[in-house]
Amino acid sequence: MRMAVLSLTLLLTTNLMAQELQPFVYAGLGVSEYVHQGSGEASWKLGGGTDWQFHKHWGVRPMLELTRKGADELLLSNYREHTWYTRMYYVEMPVVAYYTGRLSKAWTIQAGAGPYAAYGLWGKMHIFHGDESYHVFGSEMDFKRFDYGYQLMAQVRKNHWAFSFTAERGFVKLTDKFYKASPYNRVFHINAMYYF
């Protein structure tokens, strides 16, 4: 019995090590907004990850990134007559399950989806016409630091280079201090990626 368990463990470990791991780095530009409230604010992200291709067509992609999110023109209950914007910086970890299709020997396409979790590092709210600013993750605005949601991804790749489109939707209501607002993060990015 012990020999069978040892053999199975060795087989699984060898099989796991034989799977293709493809590390990469990426940078993305896009737009961030709050669902049902506010207009778009410029967004960016920088990060890295790896593709774990455990099947001819299927794989999993864990990533770690620094990203900026926010929105413009949200109305706060105490500042209804002012235009303002927020900029928040998160460390984020998406994990995407994806399907790979081969267009030719050099070109592949991928599509996938998966959850993400994010933690707010710092951020500010700026109010126009008053030169006022507030820390969003402190007691002044009481934004929630932790956010989670889902990410959708589509990608085209040739050899070491790839370009992808990602869309994210958060599930956490960031604060209760807005007037008639539902501030959930929503972000769209176009990303350039380099595989090692």
N, C-alpha and C. Protein backbone atom coordinates (compact mmCIF):
# COMPACT_ATOMS: atom_id res chain seq x y z
N MET A 1 0.83 -1.21 0.00
CA MET A 1 0.00 0.00 0.00
C MET A 1 0.86 1.26 0.00
N ARG A 2 1.91 1.23 0.86
CA ARG A 2 2.79 2.40 0.91
C ARG A 2 3.49 2.62 -0.42
N MET A 3 3.87 1.52 -1.07
CA MET A 3 4.55 1.62 -2.36
C MET A 3 3.61 2.22 -3.41
N ALA A 4 2.33 1.86 -3.37
CA ALA A 4 1.35 2.40 -4.32
C ALA A 4 1.16 3.90 -4.11
N VAL A 5 1.04 4.33 -2.84
CA VAL A 5 0.89 5.75 -2.53
C VAL A 5 2.13 6.53 -2.95
N LEU A 6 3.32 5.98 -2.67
CA LEU A 6 4.56 6.63 -3.05
C LEU A 6 4.69 6.74 -4.56
N SER A 7 4.31 5.70 -5.26
CA SER A 7 4.37 5.72 -6.73
C SER A 7 3.40 6.75 -7.31
N LEU A 8 2.19 6.81 -6.76
CA LEU A 8 1.20 7.77 -7.23
C LEU A 8 1.67 9.20 -6.96
N THR A 9 2.23 9.45 -5.76
CA THR A 9 2.74 10.78 -5.44
C THR A 9 3.87 11.18 -6.37
N LEU A 10 4.78 10.26 -6.64
CA LEU A 10 5.89 10.52 -7.56
C LEU A 10 5.39 10.81 -8.96
N LEU A 11 4.38 10.05 -9.41
CA LEU A 11 3.81 10.26 -10.74
C LEU A 11 3.16 11.62 -10.85
N LEU A 12 2.37 12.01 -9.83
CA LEU A 12 1.71 13.31 -9.86
C LEU A 12 2.71 14.45 -9.80
N THR A 13 3.75 14.31 -8.97
CA THR A 13 4.76 15.36 -8.87
C THR A 13 5.52 15.51 -10.18
N THR A 14 5.88 14.40 -10.80
CA THR A 14 6.58 14.45 -12.09
C THR A 14 5.70 15.08 -13.16
N ASN A 15 4.41 14.72 -13.15
CA ASN A 15 3.47 15.28 -14.13
C ASN A 15 3.30 16.77 -13.94
N LEU A 16 3.22 17.23 -12.67
CA LEU A 16 3.06 18.65 -12.38
C LEU A 16 4.28 19.42 -12.83
N MET A 17 5.48 18.87 -12.57
CA MET A 17 6.71 19.56 -12.95
C MET A 17 6.88 19.61 -14.46
N ALA A 18 6.25 18.65 -15.15
CA ALA A 18 6.38 18.60 -16.61
C ALA A 18 5.46 19.61 -17.30
N GLN A 19 4.49 20.14 -16.58
CA GLN A 19 3.58 21.10 -17.19
C GLN A 19 4.33 22.39 -17.51
N GLU A 20 3.85 23.09 -18.51
CA GLU A 20 4.55 24.27 -19.00
C GLU A 20 4.18 25.49 -18.17
N LEU A 21 5.19 26.11 -17.56
CA LEU A 21 5.03 27.37 -16.85
C LEU A 21 5.66 28.47 -17.68
N GLN A 22 4.88 29.52 -17.97
CA GLN A 22 5.35 30.61 -18.82
C GLN A 22 5.21 31.93 -18.07
N PRO A 23 6.29 32.42 -17.42
CA PRO A 23 6.21 33.69 -16.72
C PRO A 23 6.17 34.87 -17.69
N PHE A 24 5.54 35.96 -17.24
CA PHE A 24 5.41 37.15 -18.08
C PHE A 24 5.31 38.40 -17.21
N VAL A 25 5.53 39.55 -17.82
CA VAL A 25 5.29 40.86 -17.20
C VAL A 25 4.34 41.62 -18.12
N TYR A 26 3.65 42.61 -17.56
CA TYR A 26 2.69 43.35 -18.37
C TYR A 26 2.46 44.76 -17.83
N ALA A 27 1.97 45.61 -18.71
CA ALA A 27 1.56 46.97 -18.36
C ALA A 27 0.27 47.26 -19.11
N GLY A 28 -0.65 47.94 -18.45
CA GLY A 28 -1.94 48.22 -19.07
C GLY A 28 -2.41 49.64 -18.83
N LEU A 29 -3.15 50.17 -19.80
CA LEU A 29 -3.80 51.48 -19.69
C LEU A 29 -5.28 51.31 -19.96
N GLY A 30 -6.10 52.13 -19.29
CA GLY A 30 -7.53 52.00 -19.51
C GLY A 30 -8.33 53.06 -18.78
N VAL A 31 -9.55 52.68 -18.45
CA VAL A 31 -10.47 53.60 -17.79
C VAL A 31 -11.14 52.89 -16.62
N SER A 32 -11.33 53.64 -15.54
CA SER A 32 -11.97 53.12 -14.34
C SER A 32 -13.18 53.98 -14.02
N GLU A 33 -14.21 53.35 -13.47
CA GLU A 33 -15.43 54.07 -13.10
C GLU A 33 -16.13 53.31 -12.00
N TYR A 34 -17.17 53.94 -11.44
CA TYR A 34 -18.01 53.27 -10.47
C TYR A 34 -19.30 52.86 -11.14
N VAL A 35 -19.78 51.67 -10.84
CA VAL A 35 -21.01 51.18 -11.45
C VAL A 35 -22.18 52.07 -11.06
N HIS A 36 -22.97 52.50 -12.04
CA HIS A 36 -24.19 53.31 -11.87
C HIS A 36 -23.92 54.74 -11.40
N GLN A 37 -22.67 55.16 -11.32
CA GLN A 37 -22.42 56.51 -10.80
C GLN A 37 -21.05 56.98 -11.25
N GLY A 38 -20.96 58.21 -11.71
CA GLY A 38 -19.67 58.79 -12.06
C GLY A 38 -19.26 58.48 -13.48
N SER A 39 -18.23 59.18 -13.93
CA SER A 39 -17.69 58.97 -15.27
C SER A 39 -16.26 58.46 -15.15
N GLY A 40 -15.66 58.15 -16.29
CA GLY A 40 -14.39 57.45 -16.30
C GLY A 40 -13.21 58.28 -15.83
N GLU A 41 -12.27 57.62 -15.21
CA GLU A 41 -11.00 58.19 -14.77
C GLU A 41 -9.90 57.31 -15.36
N ALA A 42 -8.79 57.94 -15.77
CA ALA A 42 -7.69 57.17 -16.33
C ALA A 42 -7.19 56.14 -15.32
N SER A 43 -6.87 54.96 -15.82
CA SER A 43 -6.41 53.86 -14.97
C SER A 43 -5.19 53.20 -15.60
N TRP A 44 -4.37 52.60 -14.78
CA TRP A 44 -3.21 51.85 -15.27
C TRP A 44 -2.93 50.68 -14.34
N LYS A 45 -2.10 49.77 -14.82
CA LYS A 45 -1.64 48.67 -13.98
C LYS A 45 -0.30 48.15 -14.47
N LEU A 46 0.51 47.66 -13.52
CA LEU A 46 1.81 47.04 -13.79
C LEU A 46 1.87 45.76 -13.00
N GLY A 47 2.35 44.69 -13.62
CA GLY A 47 2.39 43.44 -12.86
C GLY A 47 3.12 42.33 -13.58
N GLY A 48 3.00 41.17 -13.00
CA GLY A 48 3.61 39.97 -13.56
C GLY A 48 2.81 38.75 -13.15
N GLY A 49 3.08 37.66 -13.82
CA GLY A 49 2.37 36.43 -13.50
C GLY A 49 2.96 35.27 -14.27
N THR A 50 2.23 34.19 -14.30
CA THR A 50 2.67 33.02 -15.06
C THR A 50 1.46 32.27 -15.61
N ASP A 51 1.62 31.75 -16.81
CA ASP A 51 0.62 30.85 -17.38
C ASP A 51 1.01 29.42 -17.03
N TRP A 52 0.11 28.72 -16.37
CA TRP A 52 0.33 27.30 -16.08
C TRP A 52 -0.57 26.51 -17.03
N GLN A 53 0.02 26.04 -18.12
CA GLN A 53 -0.71 25.31 -19.15
C GLN A 53 -0.71 23.84 -18.78
N PHE A 54 -1.77 23.37 -18.10
CA PHE A 54 -1.82 21.99 -17.64
C PHE A 54 -2.49 21.05 -18.64
N HIS A 55 -2.99 21.61 -19.75
CA HIS A 55 -3.65 20.83 -20.80
C HIS A 55 -3.34 21.50 -22.13
N LYS A 56 -3.57 20.80 -23.21
CA LYS A 56 -3.30 21.37 -24.54
C LYS A 56 -4.02 22.70 -24.74
N HIS A 57 -5.25 22.80 -24.23
CA HIS A 57 -6.05 24.01 -24.43
C HIS A 57 -6.32 24.80 -23.15
N TRP A 58 -6.18 24.17 -21.99
CA TRP A 58 -6.61 24.81 -20.75
C TRP A 58 -5.44 25.18 -19.85
N GLY A 59 -5.61 26.28 -19.12
CA GLY A 59 -4.57 26.72 -18.21
C GLY A 59 -5.12 27.63 -17.13
N VAL A 60 -4.25 27.98 -16.18
CA VAL A 60 -4.57 28.90 -15.09
C VAL A 60 -3.50 29.96 -15.04
N ARG A 61 -3.90 31.22 -14.81
CA ARG A 61 -2.99 32.36 -14.82
C ARG A 61 -3.10 33.15 -13.52
N PRO A 62 -2.23 32.91 -12.53
CA PRO A 62 -2.18 33.79 -11.35
C PRO A 62 -1.31 35.00 -11.66
N MET A 63 -1.72 36.18 -11.16
CA MET A 63 -1.00 37.43 -11.40
C MET A 63 -0.93 38.25 -10.12
N LEU A 64 0.02 39.16 -10.07
CA LEU A 64 0.14 40.12 -8.97
C LEU A 64 0.44 41.46 -9.61
N GLU A 65 -0.34 42.50 -9.24
CA GLU A 65 -0.18 43.79 -9.92
C GLU A 65 -0.45 44.96 -8.98
N LEU A 66 0.09 46.10 -9.37
CA LEU A 66 -0.23 47.39 -8.76
C LEU A 66 -1.12 48.12 -9.74
N THR A 67 -2.27 48.63 -9.29
CA THR A 67 -3.21 49.25 -10.21
C THR A 67 -3.84 50.50 -9.59
N ARG A 68 -4.21 51.44 -10.46
CA ARG A 68 -4.91 52.64 -10.02
C ARG A 68 -6.34 52.60 -10.53
N LYS A 69 -7.29 52.85 -9.62
CA LYS A 69 -8.71 52.89 -9.95
C LYS A 69 -9.30 54.19 -9.43
N GLY A 70 -10.53 54.49 -9.85
CA GLY A 70 -11.19 55.70 -9.38
C GLY A 70 -12.33 56.09 -10.29
N ALA A 71 -12.83 57.32 -10.11
CA ALA A 71 -13.94 57.83 -10.93
C ALA A 71 -14.02 59.34 -10.78
N ASP A 72 -14.75 59.97 -11.70
CA ASP A 72 -14.99 61.42 -11.68
C ASP A 72 -16.46 61.71 -11.40
N GLU A 73 -16.72 62.92 -10.92
CA GLU A 73 -18.06 63.51 -10.86
C GLU A 73 -19.05 62.73 -10.03
N LEU A 74 -18.60 62.12 -8.96
CA LEU A 74 -19.52 61.52 -8.01
C LEU A 74 -20.00 62.58 -7.05
N LEU A 75 -21.22 62.47 -6.59
CA LEU A 75 -21.80 63.48 -5.72
C LEU A 75 -21.84 62.98 -4.29
N LEU A 76 -21.22 63.71 -3.42
CA LEU A 76 -21.20 63.37 -2.01
C LEU A 76 -22.32 64.13 -1.31
N SER A 77 -22.90 63.55 -0.28
CA SER A 77 -24.06 64.17 0.35
C SER A 77 -23.76 65.57 0.87
N ASN A 78 -22.55 65.81 1.34
CA ASN A 78 -22.20 67.13 1.87
C ASN A 78 -21.63 68.07 0.82
N TYR A 79 -21.40 67.56 -0.40
CA TYR A 79 -20.77 68.37 -1.44
C TYR A 79 -21.51 68.20 -2.76
N ARG A 80 -22.78 68.40 -2.79
CA ARG A 80 -23.57 68.12 -3.99
C ARG A 80 -23.27 69.10 -5.12
N GLU A 81 -22.79 70.28 -4.80
CA GLU A 81 -22.57 71.29 -5.82
C GLU A 81 -21.15 71.26 -6.38
N HIS A 82 -20.35 70.30 -5.97
CA HIS A 82 -18.96 70.27 -6.39
C HIS A 82 -18.69 69.03 -7.24
N THR A 83 -17.84 69.22 -8.26
CA THR A 83 -17.33 68.11 -9.04
C THR A 83 -16.06 67.61 -8.36
N TRP A 84 -15.90 66.31 -8.28
CA TRP A 84 -14.73 65.77 -7.60
C TRP A 84 -14.34 64.44 -8.20
N TYR A 85 -13.17 63.98 -7.88
CA TYR A 85 -12.71 62.68 -8.39
C TYR A 85 -11.91 61.96 -7.32
N THR A 86 -11.88 60.64 -7.45
CA THR A 86 -11.08 59.81 -6.55
C THR A 86 -10.03 59.05 -7.36
N ARG A 87 -8.88 58.85 -6.72
CA ARG A 87 -7.82 58.01 -7.28
C ARG A 87 -7.34 57.09 -6.16
N MET A 88 -7.45 55.79 -6.41
CA MET A 88 -7.09 54.79 -5.39
C MET A 88 -6.08 53.82 -5.98
N TYR A 89 -5.13 53.40 -5.17
CA TYR A 89 -4.06 52.52 -5.61
C TYR A 89 -4.17 51.20 -4.84
N TYR A 90 -4.23 50.11 -5.58
CA TYR A 90 -4.43 48.78 -5.01
C TYR A 90 -3.29 47.86 -5.39
N VAL A 91 -2.98 46.91 -4.52
CA VAL A 91 -2.24 45.72 -4.92
C VAL A 91 -3.30 44.64 -5.13
N GLU A 92 -3.24 43.99 -6.28
CA GLU A 92 -4.33 43.12 -6.70
C GLU A 92 -3.80 41.78 -7.18
N MET A 93 -4.56 40.72 -6.92
CA MET A 93 -4.20 39.38 -7.37
C MET A 93 -5.36 38.74 -8.11
N PRO A 94 -5.36 38.79 -9.44
CA PRO A 94 -6.34 38.04 -10.22
C PRO A 94 -5.84 36.61 -10.48
N VAL A 95 -6.76 35.67 -10.55
CA VAL A 95 -6.46 34.29 -10.94
C VAL A 95 -7.48 33.91 -12.02
N VAL A 96 -6.99 33.74 -13.25
CA VAL A 96 -7.87 33.53 -14.40
C VAL A 96 -7.68 32.13 -14.97
N ALA A 97 -8.77 31.41 -15.16
CA ALA A 97 -8.76 30.15 -15.91
C ALA A 97 -9.02 30.49 -17.37
N TYR A 98 -8.24 29.92 -18.28
CA TYR A 98 -8.35 30.33 -19.68
C TYR A 98 -8.32 29.14 -20.64
N TYR A 99 -8.81 29.41 -21.84
CA TYR A 99 -8.78 28.45 -22.94
C TYR A 99 -7.87 29.01 -24.03
N THR A 100 -7.01 28.18 -24.59
CA THR A 100 -6.08 28.59 -25.64
C THR A 100 -6.46 27.93 -26.95
N GLY A 101 -6.53 28.73 -28.00
CA GLY A 101 -6.73 28.22 -29.35
C GLY A 101 -5.55 28.64 -30.22
N ARG A 102 -5.12 27.79 -31.12
CA ARG A 102 -3.96 28.08 -31.97
C ARG A 102 -4.46 28.49 -33.35
N LEU A 103 -4.04 29.71 -33.78
CA LEU A 103 -4.38 30.19 -35.11
C LEU A 103 -3.38 29.71 -36.15
N SER A 104 -2.10 29.64 -35.73
CA SER A 104 -1.04 29.15 -36.59
C SER A 104 0.09 28.68 -35.68
N LYS A 105 1.24 28.37 -36.26
CA LYS A 105 2.36 27.92 -35.44
C LYS A 105 2.83 29.02 -34.49
N ALA A 106 2.72 30.28 -34.91
CA ALA A 106 3.23 31.39 -34.10
C ALA A 106 2.14 32.13 -33.32
N TRP A 107 0.89 32.09 -33.80
CA TRP A 107 -0.18 32.90 -33.22
C TRP A 107 -1.13 32.03 -32.39
N THR A 108 -1.49 32.53 -31.19
CA THR A 108 -2.50 31.89 -30.35
C THR A 108 -3.48 32.94 -29.84
N ILE A 109 -4.68 32.51 -29.51
CA ILE A 109 -5.66 33.36 -28.86
C ILE A 109 -6.08 32.70 -27.55
N GLN A 110 -6.44 33.52 -26.58
CA GLN A 110 -6.89 33.02 -25.28
C GLN A 110 -8.11 33.81 -24.84
N ALA A 111 -8.97 33.15 -24.09
CA ALA A 111 -10.11 33.79 -23.45
C ALA A 111 -10.31 33.13 -22.10
N GLY A 112 -10.62 33.94 -21.08
CA GLY A 112 -10.77 33.36 -19.76
C GLY A 112 -11.49 34.28 -18.79
N ALA A 113 -11.69 33.76 -17.59
CA ALA A 113 -12.38 34.49 -16.54
C ALA A 113 -11.94 33.94 -15.19
N GLY A 114 -12.05 34.78 -14.17
CA GLY A 114 -11.70 34.31 -12.83
C GLY A 114 -11.85 35.42 -11.81
N PRO A 115 -11.65 35.09 -10.54
CA PRO A 115 -11.82 36.07 -9.47
C PRO A 115 -10.56 36.91 -9.27
N TYR A 116 -10.76 38.04 -8.60
CA TYR A 116 -9.61 38.83 -8.14
C TYR A 116 -9.88 39.30 -6.72
N ALA A 117 -8.79 39.54 -6.00
CA ALA A 117 -8.85 40.15 -4.68
C ALA A 117 -7.87 41.31 -4.66
N ALA A 118 -8.25 42.42 -4.04
CA ALA A 118 -7.41 43.62 -4.04
C ALA A 118 -7.41 44.26 -2.66
N TYR A 119 -6.30 44.91 -2.34
CA TYR A 119 -6.17 45.63 -1.07
C TYR A 119 -5.72 47.05 -1.36
N GLY A 120 -6.46 48.03 -0.85
CA GLY A 120 -6.16 49.44 -1.08
C GLY A 120 -4.96 49.91 -0.27
N LEU A 121 -3.94 50.39 -0.96
CA LEU A 121 -2.74 50.89 -0.29
C LEU A 121 -2.89 52.34 0.12
N TRP A 122 -3.29 53.18 -0.82
CA TRP A 122 -3.51 54.60 -0.53
C TRP A 122 -4.44 55.17 -1.60
N GLY A 123 -4.97 56.35 -1.33
CA GLY A 123 -5.85 56.99 -2.28
C GLY A 123 -6.36 58.31 -1.75
N LYS A 124 -6.77 59.19 -2.68
CA LYS A 124 -7.27 60.52 -2.29
C LYS A 124 -8.49 60.89 -3.11
N MET A 125 -9.32 61.73 -2.51
CA MET A 125 -10.43 62.36 -3.19
C MET A 125 -10.11 63.85 -3.30
N HIS A 126 -10.25 64.40 -4.51
CA HIS A 126 -9.99 65.82 -4.75
C HIS A 126 -11.29 66.49 -5.17
N ILE A 127 -11.58 67.63 -4.58
CA ILE A 127 -12.80 68.39 -4.91
C ILE A 127 -12.38 69.65 -5.64
N PHE A 128 -12.91 69.83 -6.86
CA PHE A 128 -12.59 71.01 -7.65
C PHE A 128 -13.23 72.26 -7.04
N HIS A 129 -12.70 73.42 -7.37
CA HIS A 129 -13.22 74.73 -6.96
C HIS A 129 -13.11 74.94 -5.45
N GLY A 130 -12.41 74.06 -4.77
CA GLY A 130 -12.27 74.26 -3.34
C GLY A 130 -10.91 73.88 -2.82
N ASP A 131 -10.09 73.28 -3.70
CA ASP A 131 -8.75 72.84 -3.34
C ASP A 131 -8.76 71.96 -2.09
N GLU A 132 -9.77 71.10 -1.99
CA GLU A 132 -9.86 70.20 -0.84
C GLU A 132 -9.48 68.79 -1.28
N SER A 133 -8.85 68.05 -0.38
CA SER A 133 -8.54 66.64 -0.65
C SER A 133 -8.67 65.85 0.64
N TYR A 134 -9.04 64.59 0.50
CA TYR A 134 -9.27 63.71 1.64
C TYR A 134 -8.64 62.35 1.36
N HIS A 135 -8.14 61.71 2.40
CA HIS A 135 -7.66 60.34 2.29
C HIS A 135 -8.87 59.40 2.28
N VAL A 136 -9.01 58.62 1.20
CA VAL A 136 -10.23 57.82 1.07
C VAL A 136 -10.24 56.60 1.98
N PHE A 137 -9.06 56.06 2.32
CA PHE A 137 -9.03 54.85 3.14
C PHE A 137 -8.90 55.15 4.63
N GLY A 138 -8.89 56.41 4.99
CA GLY A 138 -8.82 56.77 6.41
C GLY A 138 -10.19 57.05 6.98
N SER A 139 -10.21 57.64 8.16
CA SER A 139 -11.48 57.93 8.83
C SER A 139 -12.24 59.06 8.15
N GLU A 140 -11.55 59.87 7.32
CA GLU A 140 -12.22 61.00 6.67
C GLU A 140 -13.33 60.54 5.72
N MET A 141 -13.01 59.53 4.89
CA MET A 141 -14.00 59.07 3.90
C MET A 141 -14.44 57.63 4.15
N ASP A 142 -13.65 56.87 4.88
CA ASP A 142 -14.03 55.53 5.30
C ASP A 142 -14.32 54.58 4.13
N PHE A 143 -13.50 54.65 3.07
CA PHE A 143 -13.60 53.68 1.98
C PHE A 143 -13.09 52.33 2.46
N LYS A 144 -13.70 51.26 1.99
CA LYS A 144 -13.24 49.92 2.33
C LYS A 144 -11.94 49.62 1.56
N ARG A 145 -10.94 49.12 2.27
CA ARG A 145 -9.66 48.81 1.62
C ARG A 145 -9.74 47.54 0.78
N PHE A 146 -10.49 46.54 1.24
CA PHE A 146 -10.53 45.25 0.56
C PHE A 146 -11.61 45.25 -0.51
N ASP A 147 -11.24 44.78 -1.69
CA ASP A 147 -12.19 44.67 -2.80
C ASP A 147 -12.00 43.30 -3.45
N TYR A 148 -13.06 42.74 -3.95
CA TYR A 148 -12.97 41.49 -4.72
C TYR A 148 -14.06 41.50 -5.78
N GLY A 149 -13.85 40.70 -6.81
CA GLY A 149 -14.81 40.65 -7.90
C GLY A 149 -14.35 39.63 -8.94
N TYR A 150 -14.68 39.90 -10.21
CA TYR A 150 -14.28 38.98 -11.27
C TYR A 150 -13.60 39.74 -12.40
N GLN A 151 -12.80 39.03 -13.17
CA GLN A 151 -12.10 39.59 -14.32
C GLN A 151 -12.38 38.73 -15.55
N LEU A 152 -12.65 39.38 -16.67
CA LEU A 152 -12.77 38.72 -17.97
C LEU A 152 -11.56 39.10 -18.82
N MET A 153 -11.07 38.17 -19.65
CA MET A 153 -9.84 38.40 -20.39
C MET A 153 -9.93 37.82 -21.79
N ALA A 154 -9.41 38.56 -22.78
CA ALA A 154 -9.23 38.06 -24.15
C ALA A 154 -7.84 38.49 -24.60
N GLN A 155 -7.12 37.58 -25.26
CA GLN A 155 -5.72 37.84 -25.58
C GLN A 155 -5.33 37.25 -26.92
N VAL A 156 -4.43 37.94 -27.61
CA VAL A 156 -3.79 37.41 -28.81
C VAL A 156 -2.28 37.45 -28.56
N ARG A 157 -1.58 36.38 -28.98
CA ARG A 157 -0.15 36.27 -28.69
C ARG A 157 0.61 35.76 -29.91
N LYS A 158 1.80 36.34 -30.10
CA LYS A 158 2.74 35.84 -31.10
C LYS A 158 4.11 35.75 -30.45
N ASN A 159 4.61 34.53 -30.31
CA ASN A 159 5.91 34.26 -29.70
C ASN A 159 6.00 34.87 -28.30
N HIS A 160 6.91 35.85 -28.09
CA HIS A 160 7.12 36.42 -26.76
C HIS A 160 6.15 37.56 -26.42
N TRP A 161 5.47 38.12 -27.41
CA TRP A 161 4.62 39.30 -27.18
C TRP A 161 3.14 38.95 -27.24
N ALA A 162 2.36 39.66 -26.42
CA ALA A 162 0.91 39.45 -26.41
C ALA A 162 0.22 40.77 -26.09
N PHE A 163 -1.01 40.89 -26.55
CA PHE A 163 -1.87 42.03 -26.21
C PHE A 163 -3.20 41.47 -25.72
N SER A 164 -3.70 42.05 -24.64
CA SER A 164 -4.94 41.53 -24.06
C SER A 164 -5.88 42.67 -23.70
N PHE A 165 -7.15 42.32 -23.59
CA PHE A 165 -8.18 43.22 -23.08
C PHE A 165 -8.75 42.58 -21.82
N THR A 166 -8.81 43.35 -20.73
CA THR A 166 -9.37 42.84 -19.48
C THR A 166 -10.48 43.77 -18.99
N ALA A 167 -11.50 43.18 -18.40
CA ALA A 167 -12.61 43.91 -17.80
C ALA A 167 -12.84 43.37 -16.39
N GLU A 168 -12.97 44.27 -15.42
CA GLU A 168 -13.18 43.87 -14.02
C GLU A 168 -14.45 44.50 -13.48
N ARG A 169 -15.09 43.77 -12.57
CA ARG A 169 -16.27 44.27 -11.87
C ARG A 169 -16.15 43.88 -10.41
N GLY A 170 -16.15 44.87 -9.53
CA GLY A 170 -16.04 44.61 -8.11
C GLY A 170 -17.39 44.31 -7.48
N PHE A 171 -17.36 43.55 -6.38
CA PHE A 171 -18.57 43.20 -5.64
C PHE A 171 -18.71 43.97 -4.33
N VAL A 172 -17.69 44.72 -3.95
CA VAL A 172 -17.70 45.41 -2.65
C VAL A 172 -18.16 46.85 -2.84
N LYS A 173 -19.20 47.25 -2.09
CA LYS A 173 -19.61 48.65 -2.07
C LYS A 173 -18.58 49.42 -1.27
N LEU A 174 -17.87 50.34 -1.93
CA LEU A 174 -16.68 50.94 -1.35
C LEU A 174 -16.98 51.83 -0.15
N THR A 175 -18.11 52.53 -0.16
CA THR A 175 -18.45 53.41 0.95
C THR A 175 -19.95 53.65 0.98
N ASP A 176 -20.46 54.07 2.12
CA ASP A 176 -21.87 54.43 2.27
C ASP A 176 -22.07 55.94 2.35
N LYS A 177 -21.03 56.73 2.06
CA LYS A 177 -21.12 58.18 2.24
C LYS A 177 -21.56 58.91 0.98
N PHE A 178 -21.90 58.19 -0.07
CA PHE A 178 -22.34 58.85 -1.29
C PHE A 178 -23.84 59.12 -1.27
N TYR A 179 -24.23 60.10 -2.05
CA TYR A 179 -25.64 60.45 -2.18
C TYR A 179 -26.19 59.76 -3.44
N LYS A 180 -27.13 58.82 -3.23
CA LYS A 180 -27.75 58.10 -4.35
C LYS A 180 -26.70 57.48 -5.27
N ALA A 181 -25.74 56.77 -4.69
CA ALA A 181 -24.68 56.19 -5.50
C ALA A 181 -24.47 54.73 -5.12
N SER A 182 -23.92 53.98 -6.06
CA SER A 182 -23.52 52.60 -5.80
C SER A 182 -22.07 52.46 -6.24
N PRO A 183 -21.13 52.85 -5.39
CA PRO A 183 -19.72 52.88 -5.82
C PRO A 183 -19.05 51.51 -5.78
N TYR A 184 -19.22 50.74 -6.84
CA TYR A 184 -18.52 49.48 -7.03
C TYR A 184 -17.50 49.69 -8.16
N ASN A 185 -16.29 49.20 -7.98
CA ASN A 185 -15.25 49.38 -8.99
C ASN A 185 -15.59 48.65 -10.28
N ARG A 186 -15.33 49.32 -11.41
CA ARG A 186 -15.43 48.70 -12.74
C ARG A 186 -14.27 49.27 -13.57
N VAL A 187 -13.47 48.39 -14.18
CA VAL A 187 -12.24 48.82 -14.85
C VAL A 187 -12.08 48.07 -16.17
N PHE A 188 -11.60 48.79 -17.19
CA PHE A 188 -11.29 48.20 -18.50
C PHE A 188 -9.86 48.57 -18.86
N HIS A 189 -9.06 47.59 -19.28
CA HIS A 189 -7.65 47.83 -19.64
C HIS A 189 -7.29 47.16 -20.96
N ILE A 190 -6.39 47.80 -21.70
CA ILE A 190 -5.68 47.17 -22.81
C ILE A 190 -4.24 47.00 -22.35
N ASN A 191 -3.71 45.78 -22.46
CA ASN A 191 -2.43 45.44 -21.85
C ASN A 191 -1.44 44.93 -22.88
N ALA A 192 -0.17 45.33 -22.71
CA ALA A 192 0.94 44.77 -23.48
C ALA A 192 1.70 43.82 -22.56
N MET A 193 2.03 42.62 -23.07
CA MET A 193 2.63 41.57 -22.23
C MET A 193 3.88 41.03 -22.93
N TYR A 194 4.86 40.66 -22.09
CA TYR A 194 6.06 40.02 -22.62
C TYR A 194 6.29 38.72 -21.87
N TYR A 195 6.40 37.62 -22.61
CA TYR A 195 6.65 36.29 -22.04
C TYR A 195 8.14 35.97 -22.12
N PHE A 196 8.68 35.45 -21.03
CA PHE A 196 10.09 35.09 -20.98
C PHE A 196 10.32 33.70 -21.58
